[in-house]
Structure formats: structure tokens, C-alpha cells
């Protein structure tokens, strides 16, 4: 079970991708039920940047972990 994501973060595919392209972030969260065609480029960038990657079961669960009322495919936390 993953704990709530606290601290500075971005939520969503567009914001996550933007931060990763700027070499930002420490921990990437990806929902397992998100569309692979959307998450694959983000996953590749995270691996290139040597980020910790945490998989969450569902997009709804990831949204809840980020304290938002909608589902999310990805989130990126900035500090450890």
C-alpha cells in the first residue's frame, strides 16, 4: 500500500511530462490501469533520469493519494 503523496508534486500526464523534460522530480507514480501508450514515454524518461518508480493499482487510487477528486494516470513528487 502506498501512502498519501505529500510535499511538492505535479499530477497528470502533461504536467508530469513537462517536469521530467526539465529534469525535475524524484519519485514517479504510475497507475497500472492507465493506457500504456500514454504512460510509456513518461516511464522511459523516468528511467533515463534514474527516478524511483512506484506503481499504483488504479488511476482512481492515484488520484486519492494525490488528494484530488479525479483519477490520474501519473504523478511526480519532487523531494524524497
PDB file of N, CA and C in Angstrom:
ATOM      1  N   UNK A   1       0.840  -1.190   0.000  1.00  0.00           N
ATOM      2  CA  UNK A   1       0.000   0.000   0.000  1.00  0.00           C
ATOM      3  C   UNK A   1       0.878   1.244   0.000  1.00  0.00           C
ATOM      4  N   UNK A   2       0.532   2.175  -0.831  1.00  0.00           N
ATOM      5  CA  UNK A   2       1.276   3.420  -0.960  1.00  0.00           C
ATOM      6  C   UNK A   2       0.630   4.474  -0.071  1.00  0.00           C
ATOM      7  N   UNK A   3       1.449   5.277   0.617  1.00  0.00           N
ATOM      8  CA  UNK A   3       0.943   6.349   1.465  1.00  0.00           C
ATOM      9  C   UNK A   3       0.555   7.550   0.619  1.00  0.00           C
ATOM     10  N   UNK A   4      -0.206   8.473   1.225  1.00  0.00           N
ATOM     11  CA  UNK A   4      -0.561   9.728   0.557  1.00  0.00           C
ATOM     12  C   UNK A   4       0.708  10.399   0.054  1.00  0.00           C
ATOM     13  N   UNK A   5       0.593  11.036  -1.097  1.00  0.00           N
ATOM     14  CA  UNK A   5       1.734  11.731  -1.687  1.00  0.00           C
ATOM     15  C   UNK A   5       1.719  13.160  -1.158  1.00  0.00           C
ATOM     16  N   UNK A   6       2.683  13.469  -0.306  1.00  0.00           N
ATOM     17  CA  UNK A   6       2.741  14.786   0.319  1.00  0.00           C
ATOM     18  C   UNK A   6       3.943  15.559  -0.206  1.00  0.00           C
ATOM     19  N   UNK A   7       3.920  16.838  -0.002  1.00  0.00           N
ATOM     20  CA  UNK A   7       5.020  17.678  -0.468  1.00  0.00           C
ATOM     21  C   UNK A   7       4.744  18.190  -1.865  1.00  0.00           C
ATOM     22  N   UNK A   8       5.764  18.797  -2.441  1.00  0.00           N
ATOM     23  CA  UNK A   8       5.614  19.376  -3.776  1.00  0.00           C
ATOM     24  C   UNK A   8       5.485  18.278  -4.823  1.00  0.00           C
ATOM     25  N   UNK A   9       4.460  18.402  -5.669  1.00  0.00           N
ATOM     26  CA  UNK A   9       4.208  17.379  -6.674  1.00  0.00           C
ATOM     27  C   UNK A   9       3.458  17.995  -7.841  1.00  0.00           C
ATOM     28  N   UNK A  10       3.463  17.269  -8.958  1.00  0.00           N
ATOM     29  CA  UNK A  10       2.586  17.585 -10.075  1.00  0.00           C
ATOM     30  C   UNK A  10       1.757  16.342 -10.343  1.00  0.00           C
ATOM     31  N   UNK A  11       0.541  16.558 -10.842  1.00  0.00           N
ATOM     32  CA  UNK A  11      -0.385  15.464 -11.084  1.00  0.00           C
ATOM     33  C   UNK A  11      -0.868  15.555 -12.521  1.00  0.00           C
ATOM     34  N   UNK A  12      -0.906  14.418 -13.181  1.00  0.00           N
ATOM     35  CA  UNK A  12      -1.396  14.372 -14.549  1.00  0.00           C
ATOM     36  C   UNK A  12      -0.274  14.173 -15.552  1.00  0.00           C
ATOM     37  N   UNK A  13      -0.638  13.641 -16.699  1.00  0.00           N
ATOM     38  CA  UNK A  13       0.330  13.280 -17.724  1.00  0.00           C
ATOM     39  C   UNK A  13       1.085  14.497 -18.255  1.00  0.00           C
ATOM     40  N   UNK A  14       0.361  15.554 -18.616  1.00  0.00           N
ATOM     41  CA  UNK A  14       1.013  16.734 -19.210  1.00  0.00           C
ATOM     42  C   UNK A  14       2.009  17.380 -18.251  1.00  0.00           C
ATOM     43  N   UNK A  15       1.589  17.575 -17.010  1.00  0.00           N
ATOM     44  CA  UNK A  15       2.461  18.221 -16.031  1.00  0.00           C
ATOM     45  C   UNK A  15       3.650  17.337 -15.664  1.00  0.00           C
ATOM     46  N   UNK A  16       3.417  16.035 -15.570  1.00  0.00           N
ATOM     47  CA  UNK A  16       4.499  15.099 -15.264  1.00  0.00           C
ATOM     48  C   UNK A  16       5.535  15.097 -16.378  1.00  0.00           C
ATOM     49  N   UNK A  17       5.077  15.018 -17.609  1.00  0.00           N
ATOM     50  CA  UNK A  17       5.982  15.007 -18.758  1.00  0.00           C
ATOM     51  C   UNK A  17       6.796  16.297 -18.833  1.00  0.00           C
ATOM     52  N   UNK A  18       6.147  17.414 -18.600  1.00  0.00           N
ATOM     53  CA  UNK A  18       6.831  18.712 -18.618  1.00  0.00           C
ATOM     54  C   UNK A  18       7.940  18.761 -17.560  1.00  0.00           C
ATOM     55  N   UNK A  19       7.637  18.316 -16.354  1.00  0.00           N
ATOM     56  CA  UNK A  19       8.633  18.318 -15.275  1.00  0.00           C
ATOM     57  C   UNK A  19       9.793  17.375 -15.586  1.00  0.00           C
ATOM     58  N   UNK A  20       9.484  16.196 -16.118  1.00  0.00           N
ATOM     59  CA  UNK A  20      10.541  15.233 -16.448  1.00  0.00           C
ATOM     60  C   UNK A  20      11.461  15.761 -17.541  1.00  0.00           C
ATOM     61  N   UNK A  21      10.905  16.454 -18.521  1.00  0.00           N
ATOM     62  CA  UNK A  21      11.722  17.025 -19.589  1.00  0.00           C
ATOM     63  C   UNK A  21      12.652  18.102 -19.063  1.00  0.00           C
ATOM     64  N   UNK A  22      12.290  18.705 -17.925  1.00  0.00           N
ATOM     65  CA  UNK A  22      13.136  19.707 -17.271  1.00  0.00           C
ATOM     66  C   UNK A  22      14.017  19.084 -16.188  1.00  0.00           C
ATOM     67  N   UNK A  23      14.152  17.758 -16.232  1.00  0.00           N
ATOM     68  CA  UNK A  23      14.980  17.011 -15.264  1.00  0.00           C
ATOM     69  C   UNK A  23      14.574  17.276 -13.823  1.00  0.00           C
ATOM     70  N   UNK A  24      13.292  17.351 -13.579  1.00  0.00           N
ATOM     71  CA  UNK A  24      12.778  17.559 -12.230  1.00  0.00           C
ATOM     72  C   UNK A  24      12.140  16.273 -11.731  1.00  0.00           C
ATOM     73  N   UNK A  25      11.994  16.187 -10.432  1.00  0.00           N
ATOM     74  CA  UNK A  25      11.301  15.066  -9.818  1.00  0.00           C
ATOM     75  C   UNK A  25      12.223  14.034  -9.216  1.00  0.00           C
ATOM     76  N   UNK A  26      11.687  13.325  -8.236  1.00  0.00           N
ATOM     77  CA  UNK A  26      12.423  12.259  -7.555  1.00  0.00           C
ATOM     78  C   UNK A  26      11.684  10.926  -7.615  1.00  0.00           C
ATOM     79  N   UNK A  27      10.353  10.972  -7.484  1.00  0.00           N
ATOM     80  CA  UNK A  27       9.568   9.736  -7.458  1.00  0.00           C
ATOM     81  C   UNK A  27       8.401   9.872  -8.437  1.00  0.00           C
ATOM     82  N   UNK A  28       8.296   8.921  -9.360  1.00  0.00           N
ATOM     83  CA  UNK A  28       7.208   8.882 -10.327  1.00  0.00           C
ATOM     84  C   UNK A  28       6.192   7.841  -9.891  1.00  0.00           C
ATOM     85  N   UNK A  29       4.933   8.227  -9.918  1.00  0.00           N
ATOM     86  CA  UNK A  29       3.835   7.315  -9.617  1.00  0.00           C
ATOM     87  C   UNK A  29       3.054   7.085 -10.903  1.00  0.00           C
ATOM     88  N   UNK A  30       2.792   5.824 -11.232  1.00  0.00           N
ATOM     89  CA  UNK A  30       2.044   5.475 -12.438  1.00  0.00           C
ATOM     90  C   UNK A  30       0.935   4.501 -12.068  1.00  0.00           C
ATOM     91  N   UNK A  31      -0.270   4.782 -12.561  1.00  0.00           N
ATOM     92  CA  UNK A  31      -1.403   3.874 -12.351  1.00  0.00           C
ATOM     93  C   UNK A  31      -1.288   2.696 -13.314  1.00  0.00           C
ATOM     94  N   UNK A  32      -1.439   1.497 -12.796  1.00  0.00           N
ATOM     95  CA  UNK A  32      -1.317   0.283 -13.610  1.00  0.00           C
ATOM     96  C   UNK A  32      -2.404   0.177 -14.667  1.00  0.00           C
ATOM     97  N   UNK A  33      -3.573   0.783 -14.408  1.00  0.00           N
ATOM     98  CA  UNK A  33      -4.677   0.675 -15.365  1.00  0.00           C
ATOM     99  C   UNK A  33      -4.704   1.822 -16.373  1.00  0.00           C
ATOM    100  N   UNK A  34      -3.692   2.676 -16.360  1.00  0.00           N
ATOM    101  CA  UNK A  34      -3.606   3.761 -17.340  1.00  0.00           C
ATOM    102  C   UNK A  34      -3.180   3.196 -18.693  1.00  0.00           C
ATOM    103  N   UNK A  35      -3.554   3.873 -19.749  1.00  0.00           N
ATOM    104  CA  UNK A  35      -3.227   3.450 -21.113  1.00  0.00           C
ATOM    105  C   UNK A  35      -1.712   3.474 -21.322  1.00  0.00           C
ATOM    106  N   UNK A  36      -1.155   2.343 -21.731  1.00  0.00           N
ATOM    107  CA  UNK A  36       0.300   2.233 -21.925  1.00  0.00           C
ATOM    108  C   UNK A  36       0.840   3.220 -22.947  1.00  0.00           C
ATOM    109  N   UNK A  37       0.060   3.543 -23.961  1.00  0.00           N
ATOM    110  CA  UNK A  37       0.545   4.479 -24.973  1.00  0.00           C
ATOM    111  C   UNK A  37       0.754   5.870 -24.380  1.00  0.00           C
ATOM    112  N   UNK A  38       0.062   6.167 -23.290  1.00  0.00           N
ATOM    113  CA  UNK A  38       0.209   7.453 -22.609  1.00  0.00           C
ATOM    114  C   UNK A  38       1.354   7.410 -21.601  1.00  0.00           C
ATOM    115  N   UNK A  39       1.468   6.321 -20.868  1.00  0.00           N
ATOM    116  CA  UNK A  39       2.450   6.256 -19.784  1.00  0.00           C
ATOM    117  C   UNK A  39       3.845   5.829 -20.230  1.00  0.00           C
ATOM    118  N   UNK A  40       3.945   5.135 -21.359  1.00  0.00           N
ATOM    119  CA  UNK A  40       5.247   4.607 -21.798  1.00  0.00           C
ATOM    120  C   UNK A  40       6.310   5.700 -21.981  1.00  0.00           C
ATOM    121  N   UNK A  41       6.017   6.820 -22.661  1.00  0.00           N
ATOM    122  CA  UNK A  41       7.047   7.862 -22.801  1.00  0.00           C
ATOM    123  C   UNK A  41       7.484   8.443 -21.450  1.00  0.00           C
ATOM    124  N   UNK A  42       6.551   8.545 -20.523  1.00  0.00           N
ATOM    125  CA  UNK A  42       6.866   9.062 -19.187  1.00  0.00           C
ATOM    126  C   UNK A  42       7.749   8.073 -18.446  1.00  0.00           C
ATOM    127  N   UNK A  43       7.421   6.799 -18.546  1.00  0.00           N
ATOM    128  CA  UNK A  43       8.209   5.754 -17.897  1.00  0.00           C
ATOM    129  C   UNK A  43       9.637   5.736 -18.430  1.00  0.00           C
ATOM    130  N   UNK A  44       9.798   5.884 -19.738  1.00  0.00           N
ATOM    131  CA  UNK A  44      11.132   5.903 -20.337  1.00  0.00           C
ATOM    132  C   UNK A  44      11.953   7.080 -19.830  1.00  0.00           C
ATOM    133  N   UNK A  45      11.340   8.270 -19.773  1.00  0.00           N
ATOM    134  CA  UNK A  45      12.048   9.449 -19.269  1.00  0.00           C
ATOM    135  C   UNK A  45      12.444   9.282 -17.804  1.00  0.00           C
ATOM    136  N   UNK A  46      11.565   8.689 -17.034  1.00  0.00           N
ATOM    137  CA  UNK A  46      11.859   8.464 -15.617  1.00  0.00           C
ATOM    138  C   UNK A  46      13.047   7.531 -15.447  1.00  0.00           C
ATOM    139  N   UNK A  47      13.118   6.504 -16.282  1.00  0.00           N
ATOM    140  CA  UNK A  47      14.245   5.573 -16.209  1.00  0.00           C
ATOM    141  C   UNK A  47      15.545   6.248 -16.625  1.00  0.00           C
ATOM    142  N   UNK A  48      15.489   7.077 -17.652  1.00  0.00           N
ATOM    143  CA  UNK A  48      16.674   7.822 -18.089  1.00  0.00           C
ATOM    144  C   UNK A  48      17.167   8.739 -16.978  1.00  0.00           C
ATOM    145  N   UNK A  49      16.221   9.340 -16.249  1.00  0.00           N
ATOM    146  CA  UNK A  49      16.570  10.263 -15.161  1.00  0.00           C
ATOM    147  C   UNK A  49      16.824   9.544 -13.839  1.00  0.00           C
ATOM    148  N   UNK A  50      16.794   8.212 -13.848  1.00  0.00           N
ATOM    149  CA  UNK A  50      17.050   7.380 -12.660  1.00  0.00           C
ATOM    150  C   UNK A  50      16.126   7.705 -11.487  1.00  0.00           C
ATOM    151  N   UNK A  51      14.849   7.893 -11.788  1.00  0.00           N
ATOM    152  CA  UNK A  51      13.880   8.177 -10.732  1.00  0.00           C
ATOM    153  C   UNK A  51      13.359   6.882 -10.124  1.00  0.00           C
ATOM    154  N   UNK A  52      12.934   6.977  -8.885  1.00  0.00           N
ATOM    155  CA  UNK A  52      12.225   5.863  -8.261  1.00  0.00           C
ATOM    156  C   UNK A  52      10.848   5.803  -8.919  1.00  0.00           C
ATOM    157  N   UNK A  53      10.377   4.611  -9.243  1.00  0.00           N
ATOM    158  CA  UNK A  53       9.085   4.443  -9.898  1.00  0.00           C
ATOM    159  C   UNK A  53       8.196   3.586  -9.002  1.00  0.00           C
ATOM    160  N   UNK A  54       7.002   4.117  -8.716  1.00  0.00           N
ATOM    161  CA  UNK A  54       6.039   3.415  -7.869  1.00  0.00           C
ATOM    162  C   UNK A  54       4.777   3.176  -8.696  1.00  0.00           C
ATOM    163  N   UNK A  55       4.348   1.923  -8.755  1.00  0.00           N
ATOM    164  CA  UNK A  55       3.130   1.595  -9.478  1.00  0.00           C
ATOM    165  C   UNK A  55       1.960   1.515  -8.494  1.00  0.00           C
ATOM    166  N   UNK A  56       0.866   2.152  -8.867  1.00  0.00           N
ATOM    167  CA  UNK A  56      -0.357   2.171  -8.070  1.00  0.00           C
ATOM    168  C   UNK A  56      -1.412   1.388  -8.859  1.00  0.00           C
ATOM    169  N   UNK A  57      -2.261   0.646  -8.179  1.00  0.00           N
ATOM    170  CA  UNK A  57      -3.203  -0.250  -8.860  1.00  0.00           C
ATOM    171  C   UNK A  57      -4.131   0.455  -9.848  1.00  0.00           C
ATOM    172  N   UNK A  58      -4.738   1.559  -9.437  1.00  0.00           N
ATOM    173  CA  UNK A  58      -5.725   2.201 -10.308  1.00  0.00           C
ATOM    174  C   UNK A  58      -5.510   3.715 -10.379  1.00  0.00           C
ATOM    175  N   UNK A  59      -6.051   4.302 -11.445  1.00  0.00           N
ATOM    176  CA  UNK A  59      -5.997   5.747 -11.613  1.00  0.00           C
ATOM    177  C   UNK A  59      -6.794   6.438 -10.505  1.00  0.00           C
ATOM    178  N   UNK A  60      -7.907   5.859 -10.111  1.00  0.00           N
ATOM    179  CA  UNK A  60      -8.719   6.426  -9.033  1.00  0.00           C
ATOM    180  C   UNK A  60      -7.929   6.456  -7.727  1.00  0.00           C
ATOM    181  N   UNK A  61      -7.224   5.363  -7.434  1.00  0.00           N
ATOM    182  CA  UNK A  61      -6.408   5.300  -6.214  1.00  0.00           C
ATOM    183  C   UNK A  61      -5.301   6.355  -6.252  1.00  0.00           C
ATOM    184  N   UNK A  62      -4.666   6.530  -7.409  1.00  0.00           N
ATOM    185  CA  UNK A  62      -3.610   7.532  -7.525  1.00  0.00           C
ATOM    186  C   UNK A  62      -4.175   8.929  -7.302  1.00  0.00           C
ATOM    187  N   UNK A  63      -5.345   9.200  -7.848  1.00  0.00           N
ATOM    188  CA  UNK A  63      -5.987  10.490  -7.589  1.00  0.00           C
ATOM    189  C   UNK A  63      -6.222  10.709  -6.104  1.00  0.00           C
ATOM    190  N   UNK A  64      -6.697   9.677  -5.416  1.00  0.00           N
ATOM    191  CA  UNK A  64      -6.925   9.769  -3.969  1.00  0.00           C
ATOM    192  C   UNK A  64      -5.622  10.007  -3.216  1.00  0.00           C
ATOM    193  N   UNK A  65      -4.549   9.336  -3.634  1.00  0.00           N
ATOM    194  CA  UNK A  65      -3.247   9.505  -2.977  1.00  0.00           C
ATOM    195  C   UNK A  65      -2.723  10.933  -3.141  1.00  0.00           C
ATOM    196  N   UNK A  66      -3.126  11.569  -4.249  1.00  0.00           N
ATOM    197  CA  UNK A  66      -2.699  12.947  -4.520  1.00  0.00           C
ATOM    198  C   UNK A  66      -3.651  13.965  -3.904  1.00  0.00           C
ATOM    199  N   UNK A  67      -4.681  13.477  -3.239  1.00  0.00           N
ATOM    200  CA  UNK A  67      -5.678  14.326  -2.590  1.00  0.00           C
ATOM    201  C   UNK A  67      -6.494  15.139  -3.594  1.00  0.00           C
ATOM    202  N   UNK A  68      -6.828  14.522  -4.740  1.00  0.00           N
ATOM    203  CA  UNK A  68      -7.694  15.161  -5.714  1.00  0.00           C
ATOM    204  C   UNK A  68      -8.919  14.271  -5.938  1.00  0.00           C
ATOM    205  N   UNK A  69      -9.981  14.852  -6.439  1.00  0.00           N
ATOM    206  CA  UNK A  69     -11.240  14.133  -6.589  1.00  0.00           C
ATOM    207  C   UNK A  69     -11.414  13.452  -7.941  1.00  0.00           C
ATOM    208  N   UNK A  70     -10.379  13.453  -8.761  1.00  0.00           N
ATOM    209  CA  UNK A  70     -10.455  12.810 -10.070  1.00  0.00           C
ATOM    210  C   UNK A  70      -9.338  11.780 -10.201  1.00  0.00           C
ATOM    211  N   UNK A  71      -9.510  10.878 -11.146  1.00  0.00           N
ATOM    212  CA  UNK A  71      -8.494   9.857 -11.393  1.00  0.00           C
ATOM    213  C   UNK A  71      -7.293  10.487 -12.100  1.00  0.00           C
ATOM    214  N   UNK A  72      -6.122   9.884 -11.913  1.00  0.00           N
ATOM    215  CA  UNK A  72      -4.916  10.382 -12.558  1.00  0.00           C
ATOM    216  C   UNK A  72      -4.040   9.209 -13.003  1.00  0.00           C
ATOM    217  N   UNK A  73      -3.463   9.334 -14.192  1.00  0.00           N
ATOM    218  CA  UNK A  73      -2.593   8.274 -14.703  1.00  0.00           C
ATOM    219  C   UNK A  73      -1.199   8.364 -14.100  1.00  0.00           C
ATOM    220  N   UNK A  74      -0.721   9.598 -13.850  1.00  0.00           N
ATOM    221  CA  UNK A  74       0.633   9.786 -13.330  1.00  0.00           C
ATOM    222  C   UNK A  74       0.686  10.909 -12.303  1.00  0.00           C
ATOM    223  N   UNK A  75       1.724  10.862 -11.496  1.00  0.00           N
ATOM    224  CA  UNK A  75       2.048  11.952 -10.565  1.00  0.00           C
ATOM    225  C   UNK A  75       3.564  11.914 -10.358  1.00  0.00           C
ATOM    226  N   UNK A  76       4.102  13.057 -10.016  1.00  0.00           N
ATOM    227  CA  UNK A  76       5.551  13.170  -9.811  1.00  0.00           C
ATOM    228  C   UNK A  76       5.808  13.964  -8.548  1.00  0.00           C
ATOM    229  N   UNK A  77       6.549  13.370  -7.628  1.00  0.00           N
ATOM    230  CA  UNK A  77       6.916  14.055  -6.378  1.00  0.00           C
ATOM    231  C   UNK A  77       8.333  14.588  -6.526  1.00  0.00           C
ATOM    232  N   UNK A  78       8.556  15.785  -6.003  1.00  0.00           N
ATOM    233  CA  UNK A  78       9.833  16.450  -6.204  1.00  0.00           C
ATOM    234  C   UNK A  78      10.893  16.142  -5.162  1.00  0.00           C
ATOM    235  N   UNK A  79      10.517  15.877  -3.944  1.00  0.00           N
ATOM    236  CA  UNK A  79      11.536  15.574  -2.946  1.00  0.00           C
ATOM    237  C   UNK A  79      11.360  14.163  -2.419  1.00  0.00           C
ATOM    238  N   UNK A  80      12.426  13.597  -1.852  1.00  0.00           N
ATOM    239  CA  UNK A  80      12.377  12.219  -1.325  1.00  0.00           C
ATOM    240  C   UNK A  80      11.548  12.135  -0.066  1.00  0.00           C
TER     241      UNK A  80
END
